[in-house]
Full PDB file with SEQRES, HELIX, SHEET, SSBOND, CRYST1, ORIGX, SCALE, CONECT and MASTER records, all heavy atoms in Angstrom:
SEQRES   1 A   33  GLU CYS ASP GLU ASN ARG TYR ILE PRO ASP THR LYS MET          
SEQRES   2 A   33  VAL ARG THR ILE LYS ARG LEU HIS ASN SER PRO ARG HIS          
SEQRES   3 A   33  ARG VAL TRP ILE HIS GLY THR                                  
HELIX    1 AA1 ASP A   10  HIS A   21  1                                  12    
CRYST1    1.000    1.000    1.000  90.00  90.00  90.00 P 1           1          
ORIGX1      1.000000  0.000000  0.000000        0.00000                         
ORIGX2      0.000000  1.000000  0.000000        0.00000                         
ORIGX3      0.000000  0.000000  1.000000        0.00000                         
SCALE1      1.000000  0.000000  0.000000        0.00000                         
SCALE2      0.000000  1.000000  0.000000        0.00000                         
SCALE3      0.000000  0.000000  1.000000        0.00000                         
ATOM      1  N   GLU A   1      -8.060  46.585   6.682  1.00  0.00           N  
ATOM      2  CA  GLU A   1      -7.068  47.459   6.289  1.00  0.00           C  
ATOM      3  C   GLU A   1      -7.357  48.999   6.441  1.00  0.00           C  
ATOM      4  O   GLU A   1      -6.548  49.736   6.833  1.00  0.00           O  
ATOM      5  CB  GLU A   1      -6.727  47.221   4.732  1.00  0.00           C  
ATOM      6  CG  GLU A   1      -5.464  47.920   4.295  1.00  0.00           C  
ATOM      7  CD  GLU A   1      -4.992  47.363   2.907  1.00  0.00           C  
ATOM      8  OE1 GLU A   1      -5.652  47.854   1.919  1.00  0.00           O  
ATOM      9  OE2 GLU A   1      -4.172  46.518   2.897  1.00  0.00           O  
ATOM     10  N   CYS A   2      -8.558  49.389   6.218  1.00  0.00           N  
ATOM     11  CA  CYS A   2      -8.914  50.789   6.265  1.00  0.00           C  
ATOM     12  C   CYS A   2      -9.429  51.153   7.686  1.00  0.00           C  
ATOM     13  O   CYS A   2      -9.669  52.303   7.932  1.00  0.00           O  
ATOM     14  CB  CYS A   2     -10.000  51.148   5.259  1.00  0.00           C  
ATOM     15  SG  CYS A   2     -11.498  50.232   5.374  1.00  0.00           S  
ATOM     16  N   ASP A   3      -9.638  50.152   8.606  1.00  0.00           N  
ATOM     17  CA  ASP A   3     -10.108  50.432   9.942  1.00  0.00           C  
ATOM     18  C   ASP A   3      -9.309  49.564  10.980  1.00  0.00           C  
ATOM     19  O   ASP A   3      -9.818  48.347  11.207  1.00  0.00           O  
ATOM     20  CB  ASP A   3     -11.591  50.254   9.998  1.00  0.00           C  
ATOM     21  CG  ASP A   3     -12.179  50.527  11.377  1.00  0.00           C  
ATOM     22  OD1 ASP A   3     -11.459  51.141  12.273  1.00  0.00           O  
ATOM     23  OD2 ASP A   3     -13.411  50.274  11.522  1.00  0.00           O  
ATOM     24  N   GLU A   4      -8.180  49.945  11.445  1.00  0.00           N  
ATOM     25  CA  GLU A   4      -7.389  49.157  12.248  1.00  0.00           C  
ATOM     26  C   GLU A   4      -7.949  48.807  13.629  1.00  0.00           C  
ATOM     27  O   GLU A   4      -7.483  48.001  14.365  1.00  0.00           O  
ATOM     28  CB  GLU A   4      -5.975  49.739  12.362  1.00  0.00           C  
ATOM     29  CG  GLU A   4      -5.301  49.763  11.100  1.00  0.00           C  
ATOM     30  CD  GLU A   4      -3.863  50.288  11.201  1.00  0.00           C  
ATOM     31  OE1 GLU A   4      -3.480  50.592  12.399  1.00  0.00           O  
ATOM     32  OE2 GLU A   4      -3.134  50.456  10.139  1.00  0.00           O  
ATOM     33  N   ASN A   5      -9.139  49.462  13.989  1.00  0.00           N  
ATOM     34  CA  ASN A   5      -9.794  49.103  15.229  1.00  0.00           C  
ATOM     35  C   ASN A   5     -10.692  47.837  15.058  1.00  0.00           C  
ATOM     36  O   ASN A   5     -11.163  47.370  16.104  1.00  0.00           O  
ATOM     37  CB  ASN A   5     -10.622  50.297  15.664  1.00  0.00           C  
ATOM     38  CG  ASN A   5      -9.724  51.546  16.103  1.00  0.00           C  
ATOM     39  OD1 ASN A   5      -8.660  51.266  16.607  1.00  0.00           O  
ATOM     40  ND2 ASN A   5     -10.181  52.638  15.843  1.00  0.00           N  
ATOM     41  N   ARG A   6     -10.940  47.515  13.810  1.00  0.00           N  
ATOM     42  CA  ARG A   6     -11.750  46.296  13.602  1.00  0.00           C  
ATOM     43  C   ARG A   6     -10.874  45.161  13.419  1.00  0.00           C  
ATOM     44  O   ARG A   6     -10.026  45.131  12.451  1.00  0.00           O  
ATOM     45  CB  ARG A   6     -12.652  46.517  12.320  1.00  0.00           C  
ATOM     46  CG  ARG A   6     -13.723  47.459  12.564  1.00  0.00           C  
ATOM     47  CD  ARG A   6     -14.854  47.403  11.686  1.00  0.00           C  
ATOM     48  NE  ARG A   6     -15.386  46.102  11.565  1.00  0.00           N  
ATOM     49  CZ  ARG A   6     -16.213  45.618  10.549  1.00  0.00           C  
ATOM     50  NH1 ARG A   6     -16.471  46.438   9.593  1.00  0.00           N  
ATOM     51  NH2 ARG A   6     -16.724  44.348  10.633  1.00  0.00           N  
ATOM     52  N   TYR A   7     -11.073  44.087  14.130  1.00  0.00           N  
ATOM     53  CA  TYR A   7     -10.287  42.887  14.028  1.00  0.00           C  
ATOM     54  C   TYR A   7     -11.042  41.644  14.349  1.00  0.00           C  
ATOM     55  O   TYR A   7     -11.996  41.793  15.103  1.00  0.00           O  
ATOM     56  CB  TYR A   7      -8.962  42.919  14.745  1.00  0.00           C  
ATOM     57  CG  TYR A   7      -9.085  42.998  16.323  1.00  0.00           C  
ATOM     58  CD1 TYR A   7      -9.180  41.776  17.042  1.00  0.00           C  
ATOM     59  CD2 TYR A   7      -9.296  44.196  16.919  1.00  0.00           C  
ATOM     60  CE1 TYR A   7      -9.264  41.837  18.437  1.00  0.00           C  
ATOM     61  CE2 TYR A   7      -9.369  44.271  18.307  1.00  0.00           C  
ATOM     62  CZ  TYR A   7      -9.429  43.039  18.985  1.00  0.00           C  
ATOM     63  OH  TYR A   7      -9.625  43.082  20.442  1.00  0.00           O  
ATOM     64  N   ILE A   8     -10.659  40.479  13.829  1.00  0.00           N  
ATOM     65  CA  ILE A   8     -11.374  39.182  14.220  1.00  0.00           C  
ATOM     66  C   ILE A   8     -10.298  38.196  14.470  1.00  0.00           C  
ATOM     67  O   ILE A   8      -9.132  38.314  13.848  1.00  0.00           O  
ATOM     68  CB  ILE A   8     -12.385  38.716  13.144  1.00  0.00           C  
ATOM     69  CG1 ILE A   8     -11.631  38.587  11.854  1.00  0.00           C  
ATOM     70  CG2 ILE A   8     -13.505  39.694  12.977  1.00  0.00           C  
ATOM     71  CD1 ILE A   8     -12.547  37.897  10.740  1.00  0.00           C  
ATOM     72  N   PRO A   9     -10.573  37.180  15.310  1.00  0.00           N  
ATOM     73  CA  PRO A   9      -9.660  36.108  15.596  1.00  0.00           C  
ATOM     74  C   PRO A   9      -9.269  35.313  14.201  1.00  0.00           C  
ATOM     75  O   PRO A   9      -9.946  35.202  13.437  1.00  0.00           O  
ATOM     76  CB  PRO A   9     -10.356  35.208  16.597  1.00  0.00           C  
ATOM     77  CG  PRO A   9     -11.536  36.004  17.081  1.00  0.00           C  
ATOM     78  CD  PRO A   9     -11.878  37.055  16.072  1.00  0.00           C  
ATOM     79  N   ASP A  10      -8.131  34.794  14.323  1.00  0.00           N  
ATOM     80  CA  ASP A  10      -7.631  33.967  13.203  1.00  0.00           C  
ATOM     81  C   ASP A  10      -8.561  32.758  12.826  1.00  0.00           C  
ATOM     82  O   ASP A  10      -8.873  32.565  11.759  1.00  0.00           O  
ATOM     83  CB  ASP A  10      -6.278  33.429  13.492  1.00  0.00           C  
ATOM     84  CG  ASP A  10      -5.517  32.815  12.275  1.00  0.00           C  
ATOM     85  OD1 ASP A  10      -5.449  33.476  11.248  1.00  0.00           O  
ATOM     86  OD2 ASP A  10      -4.999  31.765  12.432  1.00  0.00           O  
ATOM     87  N   THR A  11      -9.061  32.114  13.863  1.00  0.00           N  
ATOM     88  CA  THR A  11      -9.895  30.907  13.646  1.00  0.00           C  
ATOM     89  C   THR A  11     -11.245  31.289  12.973  1.00  0.00           C  
ATOM     90  O   THR A  11     -11.726  30.511  12.135  1.00  0.00           O  
ATOM     91  CB  THR A  11     -10.239  30.180  15.028  1.00  0.00           C  
ATOM     92  OG1 THR A  11     -10.732  31.212  15.935  1.00  0.00           O  
ATOM     93  CG2 THR A  11      -8.898  29.577  15.595  1.00  0.00           C  
ATOM     94  N   LYS A  12     -11.768  32.481  13.348  1.00  0.00           N  
ATOM     95  CA  LYS A  12     -13.057  32.939  12.693  1.00  0.00           C  
ATOM     96  C   LYS A  12     -12.815  33.217  11.278  1.00  0.00           C  
ATOM     97  O   LYS A  12     -13.702  32.831  10.390  1.00  0.00           O  
ATOM     98  CB  LYS A  12     -13.566  34.200  13.402  1.00  0.00           C  
ATOM     99  CG  LYS A  12     -14.832  34.570  12.957  1.00  0.00           C  
ATOM    100  CD  LYS A  12     -15.514  35.679  13.740  1.00  0.00           C  
ATOM    101  CE  LYS A  12     -16.883  36.081  13.089  1.00  0.00           C  
ATOM    102  NZ  LYS A  12     -17.470  37.106  13.840  1.00  0.00           N  
ATOM    103  N   MET A  13     -11.724  33.922  10.877  1.00  0.00           N  
ATOM    104  CA  MET A  13     -11.462  34.227   9.484  1.00  0.00           C  
ATOM    105  C   MET A  13     -11.219  32.809   8.695  1.00  0.00           C  
ATOM    106  O   MET A  13     -11.810  32.742   7.581  1.00  0.00           O  
ATOM    107  CB  MET A  13     -10.187  35.067   9.321  1.00  0.00           C  
ATOM    108  CG  MET A  13      -9.915  35.389   7.799  1.00  0.00           C  
ATOM    109  SD  MET A  13     -11.187  36.240   7.031  1.00  0.00           S  
ATOM    110  CE  MET A  13     -10.848  37.893   7.536  1.00  0.00           C  
ATOM    111  N   VAL A  14     -10.625  31.865   9.294  1.00  0.00           N  
ATOM    112  CA  VAL A  14     -10.407  30.611   8.589  1.00  0.00           C  
ATOM    113  C   VAL A  14     -11.680  29.875   8.373  1.00  0.00           C  
ATOM    114  O   VAL A  14     -11.972  29.468   7.322  1.00  0.00           O  
ATOM    115  CB  VAL A  14      -9.397  29.687   9.427  1.00  0.00           C  
ATOM    116  CG1 VAL A  14      -9.322  28.289   8.866  1.00  0.00           C  
ATOM    117  CG2 VAL A  14      -8.042  30.281   9.395  1.00  0.00           C  
ATOM    118  N   ARG A  15     -12.590  29.835   9.271  1.00  0.00           N  
ATOM    119  CA  ARG A  15     -14.015  29.418   9.229  1.00  0.00           C  
ATOM    120  C   ARG A  15     -14.695  30.067   8.082  1.00  0.00           C  
ATOM    121  O   ARG A  15     -15.379  29.417   7.284  1.00  0.00           O  
ATOM    122  CB  ARG A  15     -14.663  29.378  10.419  1.00  0.00           C  
ATOM    123  CG  ARG A  15     -14.433  28.304  11.458  1.00  0.00           C  
ATOM    124  CD  ARG A  15     -15.365  28.299  12.634  1.00  0.00           C  
ATOM    125  NE  ARG A  15     -15.809  29.507  13.208  1.00  0.00           N  
ATOM    126  CZ  ARG A  15     -15.273  30.003  14.265  1.00  0.00           C  
ATOM    127  NH1 ARG A  15     -14.223  29.429  14.835  1.00  0.00           N  
ATOM    128  NH2 ARG A  15     -15.684  31.102  14.837  1.00  0.00           N  
ATOM    129  N   THR A  16     -14.590  31.367   8.071  1.00  0.00           N  
ATOM    130  CA  THR A  16     -15.316  32.082   7.014  1.00  0.00           C  
ATOM    131  C   THR A  16     -14.794  31.802   5.619  1.00  0.00           C  
ATOM    132  O   THR A  16     -15.521  31.618   4.735  1.00  0.00           O  
ATOM    133  CB  THR A  16     -15.055  33.666   7.198  1.00  0.00           C  
ATOM    134  OG1 THR A  16     -15.682  34.020   8.490  1.00  0.00           O  
ATOM    135  CG2 THR A  16     -15.830  34.462   6.138  1.00  0.00           C  
ATOM    136  N   ILE A  17     -13.425  31.678   5.384  1.00  0.00           N  
ATOM    137  CA  ILE A  17     -12.946  31.280   4.114  1.00  0.00           C  
ATOM    138  C   ILE A  17     -13.287  29.851   3.822  1.00  0.00           C  
ATOM    139  O   ILE A  17     -13.703  29.702   2.572  1.00  0.00           O  
ATOM    140  CB  ILE A  17     -11.320  31.348   4.150  1.00  0.00           C  
ATOM    141  CG1 ILE A  17     -10.853  32.743   4.356  1.00  0.00           C  
ATOM    142  CG2 ILE A  17     -10.688  30.761   2.960  1.00  0.00           C  
ATOM    143  CD1 ILE A  17      -9.382  32.938   4.785  1.00  0.00           C  
ATOM    144  N   LYS A  18     -13.298  28.921   4.636  1.00  0.00           N  
ATOM    145  CA  LYS A  18     -13.716  27.601   4.354  1.00  0.00           C  
ATOM    146  C   LYS A  18     -15.238  27.517   3.959  1.00  0.00           C  
ATOM    147  O   LYS A  18     -15.615  26.894   2.986  1.00  0.00           O  
ATOM    148  CB  LYS A  18     -13.450  26.703   5.532  1.00  0.00           C  
ATOM    149  CG  LYS A  18     -12.024  26.329   5.623  1.00  0.00           C  
ATOM    150  CD  LYS A  18     -11.793  25.367   6.814  1.00  0.00           C  
ATOM    151  CE  LYS A  18     -10.366  25.144   6.985  1.00  0.00           C  
ATOM    152  NZ  LYS A  18     -10.150  24.090   8.050  1.00  0.00           N  
ATOM    153  N   ARG A  19     -15.997  28.236   4.639  1.00  0.00           N  
ATOM    154  CA  ARG A  19     -17.489  28.341   4.424  1.00  0.00           C  
ATOM    155  C   ARG A  19     -17.705  28.882   3.000  1.00  0.00           C  
ATOM    156  O   ARG A  19     -18.513  28.397   2.286  1.00  0.00           O  
ATOM    157  CB  ARG A  19     -18.165  29.172   5.439  1.00  0.00           C  
ATOM    158  CG  ARG A  19     -19.720  29.227   5.310  1.00  0.00           C  
ATOM    159  CD  ARG A  19     -20.487  30.007   6.292  1.00  0.00           C  
ATOM    160  NE  ARG A  19     -19.861  31.315   6.606  1.00  0.00           N  
ATOM    161  CZ  ARG A  19     -20.149  32.264   5.923  1.00  0.00           C  
ATOM    162  NH1 ARG A  19     -20.999  32.386   4.873  1.00  0.00           N  
ATOM    163  NH2 ARG A  19     -19.555  33.577   6.262  1.00  0.00           N  
ATOM    164  N   LEU A  20     -17.046  30.050   2.624  1.00  0.00           N  
ATOM    165  CA  LEU A  20     -17.264  30.589   1.323  1.00  0.00           C  
ATOM    166  C   LEU A  20     -16.717  29.687   0.197  1.00  0.00           C  
ATOM    167  O   LEU A  20     -17.225  29.691  -0.841  1.00  0.00           O  
ATOM    168  CB  LEU A  20     -16.624  31.907   1.341  1.00  0.00           C  
ATOM    169  CG  LEU A  20     -17.320  32.991   2.189  1.00  0.00           C  
ATOM    170  CD1 LEU A  20     -16.646  34.324   2.288  1.00  0.00           C  
ATOM    171  CD2 LEU A  20     -18.829  33.298   1.817  1.00  0.00           C  
ATOM    172  N   HIS A  21     -15.595  28.997   0.508  1.00  0.00           N  
ATOM    173  CA  HIS A  21     -15.027  28.101  -0.492  1.00  0.00           C  
ATOM    174  C   HIS A  21     -16.087  27.054  -0.839  1.00  0.00           C  
ATOM    175  O   HIS A  21     -16.058  26.576  -1.961  1.00  0.00           O  
ATOM    176  CB  HIS A  21     -13.666  27.538   0.024  1.00  0.00           C  
ATOM    177  CG  HIS A  21     -13.165  26.485  -0.891  1.00  0.00           C  
ATOM    178  ND1 HIS A  21     -13.385  25.155  -0.488  1.00  0.00           N  
ATOM    179  CD2 HIS A  21     -12.436  26.514  -1.938  1.00  0.00           C  
ATOM    180  CE1 HIS A  21     -12.759  24.469  -1.501  1.00  0.00           C  
ATOM    181  NE2 HIS A  21     -12.152  25.272  -2.394  1.00  0.00           N  
ATOM    182  N   ASN A  22     -16.685  26.508   0.174  1.00  0.00           N  
ATOM    183  CA  ASN A  22     -17.671  25.412  -0.080  1.00  0.00           C  
ATOM    184  C   ASN A  22     -19.075  25.836  -0.559  1.00  0.00           C  
ATOM    185  O   ASN A  22     -19.878  25.109  -0.969  1.00  0.00           O  
ATOM    186  CB  ASN A  22     -17.925  24.691   1.229  1.00  0.00           C  
ATOM    187  CG  ASN A  22     -16.703  23.895   1.693  1.00  0.00           C  
ATOM    188  OD1 ASN A  22     -15.905  23.407   0.875  1.00  0.00           O  
ATOM    189  ND2 ASN A  22     -16.521  23.738   2.948  1.00  0.00           N  
ATOM    190  N   SER A  23     -19.155  27.171  -0.747  1.00  0.00           N  
ATOM    191  CA  SER A  23     -20.479  27.787  -1.267  1.00  0.00           C  
ATOM    192  C   SER A  23     -20.390  27.757  -2.780  1.00  0.00           C  
ATOM    193  O   SER A  23     -19.424  28.320  -3.338  1.00  0.00           O  
ATOM    194  CB  SER A  23     -20.572  29.172  -0.674  1.00  0.00           C  
ATOM    195  OG  SER A  23     -21.612  29.820  -1.386  1.00  0.00           O  
ATOM    196  N   PRO A  24     -21.446  27.326  -3.556  1.00  0.00           N  
ATOM    197  CA  PRO A  24     -21.418  27.478  -4.944  1.00  0.00           C  
ATOM    198  C   PRO A  24     -21.564  28.842  -5.423  1.00  0.00           C  
ATOM    199  O   PRO A  24     -21.389  29.170  -6.554  1.00  0.00           O  
ATOM    200  CB  PRO A  24     -22.508  26.587  -5.298  1.00  0.00           C  
ATOM    201  CG  PRO A  24     -23.406  26.578  -4.174  1.00  0.00           C  
ATOM    202  CD  PRO A  24     -22.543  26.747  -2.946  1.00  0.00           C  
ATOM    203  N   ARG A  25     -21.887  29.827  -4.566  1.00  0.00           N  
ATOM    204  CA  ARG A  25     -22.225  31.190  -4.943  1.00  0.00           C  
ATOM    205  C   ARG A  25     -20.965  32.144  -4.860  1.00  0.00           C  
ATOM    206  O   ARG A  25     -21.082  33.296  -4.949  1.00  0.00           O  
ATOM    207  CB  ARG A  25     -23.302  31.815  -4.115  1.00  0.00           C  
ATOM    208  CG  ARG A  25     -24.652  30.976  -4.306  1.00  0.00           C  
ATOM    209  CD  ARG A  25     -25.920  31.770  -4.120  1.00  0.00           C  
ATOM    210  NE  ARG A  25     -25.854  32.946  -4.830  1.00  0.00           N  
ATOM    211  CZ  ARG A  25     -26.459  34.066  -4.350  1.00  0.00           C  
ATOM    212  NH1 ARG A  25     -26.960  34.059  -3.107  1.00  0.00           N  
ATOM    213  NH2 ARG A  25     -26.501  35.165  -5.062  1.00  0.00           N  
ATOM    214  N   HIS A  26     -19.838  31.485  -4.499  1.00  0.00           N  
ATOM    215  CA  HIS A  26     -18.500  32.234  -4.373  1.00  0.00           C  
ATOM    216  C   HIS A  26     -17.406  31.570  -5.125  1.00  0.00           C  
ATOM    217  O   HIS A  26     -17.327  30.405  -5.134  1.00  0.00           O  
ATOM    218  CB  HIS A  26     -18.198  32.442  -2.898  1.00  0.00           C  
ATOM    219  CG  HIS A  26     -19.127  33.258  -2.097  1.00  0.00           C  
ATOM    220  ND1 HIS A  26     -20.254  32.709  -1.463  1.00  0.00           N  
ATOM    221  CD2 HIS A  26     -19.133  34.640  -1.831  1.00  0.00           C  
ATOM    222  CE1 HIS A  26     -20.896  33.784  -0.900  1.00  0.00           C  
ATOM    223  NE2 HIS A  26     -20.285  34.860  -1.161  1.00  0.00           N  
ATOM    224  N   ARG A  27     -16.567  32.422  -5.530  1.00  0.00           N  
ATOM    225  CA  ARG A  27     -15.302  31.941  -6.242  1.00  0.00           C  
ATOM    226  C   ARG A  27     -14.173  32.360  -5.270  1.00  0.00           C  
ATOM    227  O   ARG A  27     -13.998  33.525  -4.909  1.00  0.00           O  
ATOM    228  CB  ARG A  27     -15.124  32.575  -7.531  1.00  0.00           C  
ATOM    229  CG  ARG A  27     -13.859  32.105  -8.285  1.00  0.00           C  
ATOM    230  CD  ARG A  27     -13.888  32.579  -9.752  1.00  0.00           C  
ATOM    231  NE  ARG A  27     -12.587  32.252 -10.359  1.00  0.00           N  
ATOM    232  CZ  ARG A  27     -11.672  33.058 -10.776  1.00  0.00           C  
ATOM    233  NH1 ARG A  27     -12.018  34.402 -10.729  1.00  0.00           N  
ATOM    234  NH2 ARG A  27     -10.594  32.596 -11.185  1.00  0.00           N  
ATOM    235  N   VAL A  28     -13.333  31.352  -4.997  1.00  0.00           N  
ATOM    236  CA  VAL A  28     -12.145  31.592  -4.061  1.00  0.00           C  
ATOM    237  C   VAL A  28     -10.978  31.109  -4.763  1.00  0.00           C  
ATOM    238  O   VAL A  28     -10.883  30.083  -5.286  1.00  0.00           O  
ATOM    239  CB  VAL A  28     -12.319  30.884  -2.684  1.00  0.00           C  
ATOM    240  CG1 VAL A  28     -11.207  31.084  -1.861  1.00  0.00           C  
ATOM    241  CG2 VAL A  28     -13.611  31.196  -2.014  1.00  0.00           C  
ATOM    242  N   TRP A  29      -9.879  31.943  -4.754  1.00  0.00           N  
ATOM    243  CA  TRP A  29      -8.574  31.599  -5.340  1.00  0.00           C  
ATOM    244  C   TRP A  29      -7.399  32.203  -4.596  1.00  0.00           C  
ATOM    245  O   TRP A  29      -7.654  33.228  -3.895  1.00  0.00           O  
ATOM    246  CB  TRP A  29      -8.529  31.869  -6.789  1.00  0.00           C  
ATOM    247  CG  TRP A  29      -8.299  33.290  -7.185  1.00  0.00           C  
ATOM    248  CD1 TRP A  29      -7.231  34.016  -7.437  1.00  0.00           C  
ATOM    249  CD2 TRP A  29      -9.501  34.220  -7.265  1.00  0.00           C  
ATOM    250  NE1 TRP A  29      -7.533  35.263  -7.754  1.00  0.00           N  
ATOM    251  CE2 TRP A  29      -8.909  35.412  -7.638  1.00  0.00           C  
ATOM    252  CE3 TRP A  29     -10.810  34.162  -7.179  1.00  0.00           C  
ATOM    253  CZ2 TRP A  29      -9.576  36.538  -7.912  1.00  0.00           C  
ATOM    254  CZ3 TRP A  29     -11.561  35.431  -7.352  1.00  0.00           C  
ATOM    255  CH2 TRP A  29     -10.945  36.584  -7.672  1.00  0.00           C  
ATOM    256  N   ILE A  30      -6.302  31.633  -4.672  1.00  0.00           N  
ATOM    257  CA  ILE A  30      -5.132  32.049  -3.919  1.00  0.00           C  
ATOM    258  C   ILE A  30      -4.132  32.661  -4.966  1.00  0.00           C  
ATOM    259  O   ILE A  30      -3.850  32.093  -5.968  1.00  0.00           O  
ATOM    260  CB  ILE A  30      -4.488  30.978  -3.084  1.00  0.00           C  
ATOM    261  CG1 ILE A  30      -5.524  30.499  -2.053  1.00  0.00           C  
ATOM    262  CG2 ILE A  30      -3.183  31.423  -2.379  1.00  0.00           C  
ATOM    263  CD1 ILE A  30      -4.986  29.223  -1.351  1.00  0.00           C  
ATOM    264  N   HIS A  31      -3.659  33.894  -4.656  1.00  0.00           N  
ATOM    265  CA  HIS A  31      -2.653  34.540  -5.505  1.00  0.00           C  
ATOM    266  C   HIS A  31      -1.508  34.969  -4.609  1.00  0.00           C  
ATOM    267  O   HIS A  31      -1.696  35.973  -3.792  1.00  0.00           O  
ATOM    268  CB  HIS A  31      -3.319  35.805  -6.352  1.00  0.00           C  
ATOM    269  CG  HIS A  31      -2.204  36.302  -7.239  1.00  0.00           C  
ATOM    270  ND1 HIS A  31      -1.871  35.809  -8.429  1.00  0.00           N  
ATOM    271  CD2 HIS A  31      -1.542  37.505  -7.050  1.00  0.00           C  
ATOM    272  CE1 HIS A  31      -0.962  36.623  -8.945  1.00  0.00           C  
ATOM    273  NE2 HIS A  31      -0.816  37.661  -8.232  1.00  0.00           N  
ATOM    274  N   GLY A  32      -0.415  34.348  -4.675  1.00  0.00           N  
ATOM    275  CA  GLY A  32       0.707  34.750  -3.807  1.00  0.00           C  
ATOM    276  C   GLY A  32       0.316  34.470  -2.285  1.00  0.00           C  
ATOM    277  O   GLY A  32       0.018  33.233  -2.010  1.00  0.00           O  
ATOM    278  N   THR A  33       0.292  35.461  -1.561  1.00  0.00           N  
ATOM    279  CA  THR A  33      -0.100  35.381  -0.147  1.00  0.00           C  
ATOM    280  C   THR A  33      -1.504  35.908   0.179  1.00  0.00           C  
ATOM    281  O   THR A  33      -1.836  36.070   1.304  1.00  0.00           O  
ATOM    282  CB  THR A  33       0.997  35.961   0.854  1.00  0.00           C  
ATOM    283  OG1 THR A  33       1.040  37.401   0.474  1.00  0.00           O  
ATOM    284  CG2 THR A  33       2.356  35.401   0.659  1.00  0.00           C  
TER     285      THR A  33                                                      
MASTER        0    0    0    1    0    0    0    6  284    1    0    3          
END                                                                             
């Protein structure tokens, strides 16, 4: 959001979210979108 020159592919972000969701050291929740 604050640096529009930085971007990553959709598949990499999905893998990151899934990895953090499976980690006991992170809390992941969905609110709206």
